[in-house]
N, C-alpha and C. Protein backbone atom coordinates (compact mmCIF):
# COMPACT_ATOMS: atom_id res chain seq x y z
N MET A 1 0.83 -1.20 0.00
CA MET A 1 0.00 0.00 0.00
C MET A 1 0.87 1.25 0.00
N GLN A 2 1.89 1.28 0.86
CA GLN A 2 2.79 2.44 0.93
C GLN A 2 3.46 2.67 -0.43
N GLU A 3 3.89 1.58 -1.08
CA GLU A 3 4.56 1.70 -2.37
C GLU A 3 3.61 2.29 -3.41
N GLU A 4 2.35 1.84 -3.41
CA GLU A 4 1.37 2.38 -4.35
C GLU A 4 1.15 3.87 -4.13
N THR A 5 1.07 4.31 -2.88
CA THR A 5 0.86 5.72 -2.56
C THR A 5 2.03 6.55 -3.05
N THR A 6 3.25 6.07 -2.78
CA THR A 6 4.44 6.80 -3.21
C THR A 6 4.48 6.91 -4.72
N VAL A 7 4.23 5.82 -5.40
CA VAL A 7 4.23 5.83 -6.86
C VAL A 7 3.14 6.76 -7.37
N GLY A 8 1.96 6.70 -6.75
CA GLY A 8 0.85 7.56 -7.17
C GLY A 8 1.18 9.04 -7.03
N LEU A 9 1.78 9.42 -5.89
CA LEU A 9 2.14 10.83 -5.69
C LEU A 9 3.24 11.25 -6.64
N LEU A 10 4.20 10.37 -6.90
CA LEU A 10 5.25 10.68 -7.85
C LEU A 10 4.65 10.89 -9.23
N SER A 11 3.71 10.04 -9.60
CA SER A 11 3.04 10.19 -10.90
C SER A 11 2.31 11.51 -10.98
N ILE A 12 1.64 11.91 -9.89
CA ILE A 12 0.93 13.18 -9.87
C ILE A 12 1.91 14.32 -10.07
N PHE A 13 3.04 14.29 -9.35
CA PHE A 13 4.03 15.35 -9.48
C PHE A 13 4.55 15.42 -10.91
N VAL A 14 4.90 14.28 -11.48
CA VAL A 14 5.42 14.25 -12.84
C VAL A 14 4.37 14.74 -13.82
N LEU A 15 3.13 14.27 -13.66
CA LEU A 15 2.04 14.70 -14.54
C LEU A 15 1.84 16.20 -14.45
N TYR A 16 1.76 16.74 -13.23
CA TYR A 16 1.53 18.17 -13.09
C TYR A 16 2.72 18.95 -13.64
N ARG A 17 3.92 18.44 -13.42
CA ARG A 17 5.12 19.11 -13.92
C ARG A 17 5.10 19.16 -15.44
N CYS A 18 4.67 18.08 -16.08
CA CYS A 18 4.59 18.05 -17.54
C CYS A 18 3.52 19.01 -18.04
N ILE A 19 2.39 19.05 -17.35
CA ILE A 19 1.30 19.94 -17.77
C ILE A 19 1.73 21.39 -17.68
N THR A 20 2.40 21.77 -16.60
CA THR A 20 2.75 23.17 -16.39
C THR A 20 4.12 23.54 -16.96
N LYS A 21 4.87 22.53 -17.43
CA LYS A 21 6.20 22.75 -18.00
C LYS A 21 7.14 23.43 -17.03
N THR A 22 7.08 23.04 -15.76
CA THR A 22 7.99 23.60 -14.77
C THR A 22 9.35 22.95 -14.92
N HIS A 23 10.36 23.65 -14.49
CA HIS A 23 11.73 23.15 -14.55
C HIS A 23 12.38 23.36 -13.20
N CYS A 24 13.28 22.43 -12.84
CA CYS A 24 14.03 22.58 -11.60
C CYS A 24 15.12 23.62 -11.83
N MET A 25 15.22 24.57 -10.92
CA MET A 25 16.24 25.60 -11.03
C MET A 25 17.13 25.49 -9.81
N ALA A 26 18.30 24.92 -9.98
CA ALA A 26 19.20 24.75 -8.85
C ALA A 26 20.53 25.41 -9.16
N GLY A 27 21.17 25.90 -8.13
CA GLY A 27 22.48 26.52 -8.27
C GLY A 27 23.58 25.49 -8.18
N PHE A 28 24.77 25.94 -7.91
CA PHE A 28 25.95 25.08 -7.80
C PHE A 28 25.74 24.02 -6.73
N GLY A 29 26.08 22.78 -7.06
CA GLY A 29 25.97 21.68 -6.09
C GLY A 29 24.54 21.26 -5.81
N GLY A 30 23.61 21.64 -6.67
CA GLY A 30 22.23 21.24 -6.48
C GLY A 30 21.48 22.09 -5.47
N GLN A 31 22.14 23.09 -4.91
CA GLN A 31 21.48 23.96 -3.92
C GLN A 31 20.95 25.20 -4.62
N SER A 32 19.83 25.67 -4.18
CA SER A 32 19.26 26.90 -4.71
C SER A 32 20.13 28.07 -4.27
N PRO A 33 20.44 29.01 -5.18
CA PRO A 33 21.29 30.14 -4.81
C PRO A 33 20.63 31.09 -3.82
N LEU A 34 19.31 31.13 -3.78
CA LEU A 34 18.58 32.01 -2.88
C LEU A 34 17.59 31.19 -2.07
N PRO A 35 17.30 31.61 -0.84
CA PRO A 35 16.26 30.90 -0.09
C PRO A 35 14.93 31.03 -0.84
N GLN A 36 14.18 29.95 -0.89
CA GLN A 36 12.94 29.97 -1.65
C GLN A 36 11.73 30.07 -0.74
N GLN A 37 10.77 30.81 -1.19
CA GLN A 37 9.47 30.89 -0.55
C GLN A 37 8.60 29.81 -1.17
N PHE A 38 8.00 28.99 -0.36
CA PHE A 38 7.12 27.97 -0.88
C PHE A 38 5.67 28.36 -0.70
N TRP A 39 4.85 27.94 -1.64
CA TRP A 39 3.41 28.09 -1.58
C TRP A 39 2.82 26.69 -1.56
N TYR A 40 1.84 26.48 -0.72
CA TYR A 40 1.29 25.15 -0.50
C TYR A 40 -0.17 25.10 -0.89
N VAL A 41 -0.52 24.11 -1.69
CA VAL A 41 -1.91 23.77 -1.93
C VAL A 41 -2.19 22.62 -0.99
N TYR A 42 -3.23 22.76 -0.18
CA TYR A 42 -3.50 21.76 0.84
C TYR A 42 -4.95 21.31 0.78
N ILE A 43 -5.16 20.08 1.24
CA ILE A 43 -6.50 19.51 1.30
C ILE A 43 -6.76 19.12 2.75
N LEU A 44 -7.88 19.60 3.27
CA LEU A 44 -8.27 19.29 4.64
C LEU A 44 -9.52 18.42 4.64
N LYS A 45 -9.64 17.58 5.67
CA LYS A 45 -10.87 16.85 5.90
C LYS A 45 -11.50 17.43 7.16
N CYS A 46 -12.73 17.90 7.03
CA CYS A 46 -13.44 18.50 8.15
C CYS A 46 -14.11 17.42 8.99
N SER A 47 -14.53 17.79 10.18
CA SER A 47 -15.13 16.82 11.11
C SER A 47 -16.40 16.17 10.55
N ASP A 48 -17.09 16.85 9.64
CA ASP A 48 -18.30 16.27 9.05
C ASP A 48 -18.01 15.46 7.78
N GLY A 49 -16.72 15.30 7.46
CA GLY A 49 -16.32 14.52 6.29
C GLY A 49 -16.15 15.31 5.01
N THR A 50 -16.52 16.59 5.03
CA THR A 50 -16.34 17.39 3.82
C THR A 50 -14.86 17.70 3.61
N ILE A 51 -14.53 18.03 2.37
CA ILE A 51 -13.16 18.32 1.97
C ILE A 51 -13.03 19.81 1.68
N TYR A 52 -11.94 20.40 2.14
CA TYR A 52 -11.65 21.81 1.87
C TYR A 52 -10.28 21.88 1.21
N THR A 53 -10.18 22.66 0.15
CA THR A 53 -8.90 22.85 -0.55
C THR A 53 -8.52 24.32 -0.45
N GLY A 54 -7.26 24.59 -0.12
CA GLY A 54 -6.80 25.96 0.01
C GLY A 54 -5.36 26.12 -0.42
N CYS A 55 -4.87 27.35 -0.35
CA CYS A 55 -3.51 27.68 -0.75
C CYS A 55 -2.95 28.72 0.22
N THR A 56 -1.69 28.55 0.61
CA THR A 56 -1.07 29.47 1.56
C THR A 56 0.45 29.42 1.42
N ASN A 57 1.12 30.43 1.95
CA ASN A 57 2.58 30.39 1.99
C ASN A 57 3.09 30.06 3.40
N ASN A 58 2.16 29.85 4.35
CA ASN A 58 2.53 29.46 5.71
C ASN A 58 1.55 28.38 6.16
N LEU A 59 1.89 27.15 5.84
CA LEU A 59 0.97 26.04 6.07
C LEU A 59 0.66 25.83 7.54
N GLU A 60 1.66 25.85 8.37
CA GLU A 60 1.46 25.61 9.81
C GLU A 60 0.50 26.64 10.41
N ASP A 61 0.72 27.92 10.10
CA ASP A 61 -0.14 28.98 10.62
C ASP A 61 -1.56 28.85 10.07
N ARG A 62 -1.69 28.52 8.80
CA ARG A 62 -3.00 28.42 8.18
C ARG A 62 -3.83 27.30 8.79
N ILE A 63 -3.20 26.14 9.05
CA ILE A 63 -3.91 25.03 9.67
C ILE A 63 -4.35 25.42 11.09
N LYS A 64 -3.46 26.11 11.79
CA LYS A 64 -3.79 26.57 13.14
C LYS A 64 -5.00 27.51 13.10
N ARG A 65 -5.02 28.42 12.12
CA ARG A 65 -6.15 29.35 11.98
C ARG A 65 -7.44 28.62 11.65
N HIS A 66 -7.34 27.57 10.82
CA HIS A 66 -8.54 26.76 10.55
C HIS A 66 -9.07 26.16 11.85
N ASN A 67 -8.17 25.57 12.64
CA ASN A 67 -8.60 24.83 13.84
C ASN A 67 -9.06 25.71 15.00
N ILE A 68 -8.76 27.00 14.99
CA ILE A 68 -9.28 27.87 16.05
C ILE A 68 -10.49 28.68 15.58
N GLY A 69 -10.97 28.37 14.37
CA GLY A 69 -12.20 28.98 13.89
C GLY A 69 -12.06 30.33 13.21
N GLN A 70 -10.87 30.68 12.76
CA GLN A 70 -10.67 31.97 12.09
C GLN A 70 -10.93 31.93 10.60
N VAL A 71 -11.22 30.76 10.06
CA VAL A 71 -11.52 30.63 8.62
C VAL A 71 -13.00 30.29 8.50
N ILE A 72 -13.74 31.20 7.91
CA ILE A 72 -15.20 31.09 7.84
C ILE A 72 -15.65 29.80 7.18
N ALA A 73 -14.97 29.38 6.12
CA ALA A 73 -15.40 28.20 5.36
C ALA A 73 -15.36 26.91 6.16
N THR A 74 -14.49 26.83 7.16
CA THR A 74 -14.38 25.59 7.94
C THR A 74 -14.78 25.77 9.40
N LYS A 75 -15.17 26.96 9.78
CA LYS A 75 -15.47 27.28 11.18
C LYS A 75 -16.51 26.36 11.81
N SER A 76 -17.52 25.97 11.05
CA SER A 76 -18.60 25.16 11.62
C SER A 76 -18.32 23.66 11.57
N ASN A 77 -17.16 23.27 11.05
CA ASN A 77 -16.84 21.84 10.89
C ASN A 77 -15.51 21.48 11.54
N LEU A 78 -15.27 21.99 12.72
CA LEU A 78 -14.00 21.76 13.41
C LEU A 78 -14.05 20.46 14.21
N PRO A 79 -12.93 19.81 14.44
CA PRO A 79 -11.61 20.18 13.95
C PRO A 79 -11.38 19.70 12.51
N VAL A 80 -10.34 20.23 11.91
CA VAL A 80 -9.94 19.79 10.57
C VAL A 80 -8.62 19.07 10.68
N GLU A 81 -8.38 18.18 9.72
CA GLU A 81 -7.08 17.50 9.67
C GLU A 81 -6.55 17.58 8.25
N ILE A 82 -5.26 17.73 8.15
CA ILE A 82 -4.65 17.83 6.82
C ILE A 82 -4.55 16.45 6.20
N VAL A 83 -4.96 16.36 4.95
CA VAL A 83 -4.93 15.10 4.21
C VAL A 83 -3.71 15.07 3.31
N THR A 84 -3.50 16.14 2.57
CA THR A 84 -2.42 16.24 1.59
C THR A 84 -1.99 17.68 1.45
N TYR A 85 -0.71 17.88 1.17
CA TYR A 85 -0.26 19.20 0.74
C TYR A 85 0.81 19.04 -0.31
N ILE A 86 0.88 20.02 -1.21
CA ILE A 86 1.84 20.03 -2.31
C ILE A 86 2.53 21.38 -2.30
N ALA A 87 3.86 21.38 -2.34
CA ALA A 87 4.64 22.62 -2.28
C ALA A 87 5.00 23.09 -3.68
N PHE A 88 4.91 24.39 -3.88
CA PHE A 88 5.27 25.03 -5.14
C PHE A 88 6.24 26.17 -4.84
N THR A 89 7.13 26.46 -5.77
CA THR A 89 8.01 27.61 -5.63
C THR A 89 7.43 28.84 -6.32
N ASP A 90 6.41 28.65 -7.12
CA ASP A 90 5.77 29.76 -7.84
C ASP A 90 4.33 29.89 -7.34
N ARG A 91 4.01 31.03 -6.74
CA ARG A 91 2.68 31.17 -6.14
C ARG A 91 1.56 31.14 -7.18
N TYR A 92 1.83 31.62 -8.39
CA TYR A 92 0.79 31.62 -9.41
C TYR A 92 0.45 30.20 -9.85
N ARG A 93 1.46 29.35 -9.93
CA ARG A 93 1.20 27.94 -10.26
C ARG A 93 0.46 27.26 -9.12
N ALA A 94 0.79 27.62 -7.90
CA ALA A 94 0.06 27.06 -6.74
C ALA A 94 -1.41 27.46 -6.81
N TYR A 95 -1.69 28.72 -7.05
CA TYR A 95 -3.09 29.17 -7.13
C TYR A 95 -3.80 28.56 -8.32
N ASP A 96 -3.09 28.38 -9.43
CA ASP A 96 -3.70 27.72 -10.59
C ASP A 96 -4.06 26.28 -10.28
N PHE A 97 -3.17 25.58 -9.55
CA PHE A 97 -3.44 24.19 -9.19
C PHE A 97 -4.60 24.10 -8.20
N GLU A 98 -4.65 25.03 -7.24
CA GLU A 98 -5.78 25.07 -6.31
C GLU A 98 -7.08 25.26 -7.08
N LYS A 99 -7.08 26.19 -8.01
CA LYS A 99 -8.27 26.46 -8.82
C LYS A 99 -8.68 25.21 -9.60
N TYR A 100 -7.69 24.52 -10.17
CA TYR A 100 -7.97 23.29 -10.90
C TYR A 100 -8.63 22.24 -9.99
N LEU A 101 -8.10 22.08 -8.78
CA LEU A 101 -8.65 21.08 -7.86
C LEU A 101 -10.07 21.40 -7.42
N LYS A 102 -10.49 22.64 -7.56
CA LYS A 102 -11.84 23.04 -7.16
C LYS A 102 -12.84 22.94 -8.31
N GLN A 103 -12.36 22.59 -9.51
CA GLN A 103 -13.23 22.44 -10.67
C GLN A 103 -13.58 20.96 -10.87
N GLY A 104 -14.49 20.67 -11.77
CA GLY A 104 -14.99 19.31 -11.98
C GLY A 104 -13.93 18.25 -12.16
N SER A 105 -13.10 18.35 -13.18
CA SER A 105 -12.11 17.31 -13.42
C SER A 105 -11.04 17.31 -12.34
N GLY A 106 -10.75 18.46 -11.77
CA GLY A 106 -9.77 18.55 -10.69
C GLY A 106 -10.28 17.90 -9.41
N ARG A 107 -11.58 18.05 -9.14
CA ARG A 107 -12.16 17.37 -7.97
C ARG A 107 -12.08 15.86 -8.14
N ALA A 108 -12.36 15.38 -9.34
CA ALA A 108 -12.27 13.94 -9.61
C ALA A 108 -10.83 13.46 -9.45
N PHE A 109 -9.87 14.23 -9.98
CA PHE A 109 -8.46 13.90 -9.85
C PHE A 109 -8.07 13.86 -8.38
N SER A 110 -8.49 14.85 -7.61
CA SER A 110 -8.19 14.93 -6.20
C SER A 110 -8.74 13.72 -5.45
N LYS A 111 -9.98 13.35 -5.73
CA LYS A 111 -10.60 12.20 -5.05
C LYS A 111 -9.84 10.91 -5.34
N ARG A 112 -9.43 10.74 -6.60
CA ARG A 112 -8.75 9.51 -7.00
C ARG A 112 -7.33 9.42 -6.46
N HIS A 113 -6.63 10.57 -6.39
CA HIS A 113 -5.18 10.51 -6.14
C HIS A 113 -4.69 11.21 -4.88
N LEU A 114 -5.45 12.13 -4.33
CA LEU A 114 -4.91 12.94 -3.25
C LEU A 114 -5.56 12.73 -1.88
N HIS A 115 -6.72 12.08 -1.84
CA HIS A 115 -7.33 11.79 -0.52
C HIS A 115 -8.16 10.56 -0.57
């Protein structure tokens, strides 16, 4: 089961990378020359079983805000637990992926592969 999950997530990453034509940008020795800001697309499962998808540049703080009731969309379904998150170095690609996951085919993709 663990092997299938790893392979599935790797396939998702490769598929999304091919769709968006992203490239790895690394400096000397494989290290990035500048510290990178990451943007996270995350999927939460609410206490009533509903799924919430969001995007943030501070995942830990955002989950904390969800669980103390500061996010209107999940306030009535606490507590929430994180199911999946995906890190991006480009915030626009992160928001595009979040938007995709909230649309018809993206919801189906998310159900099959991400939760």
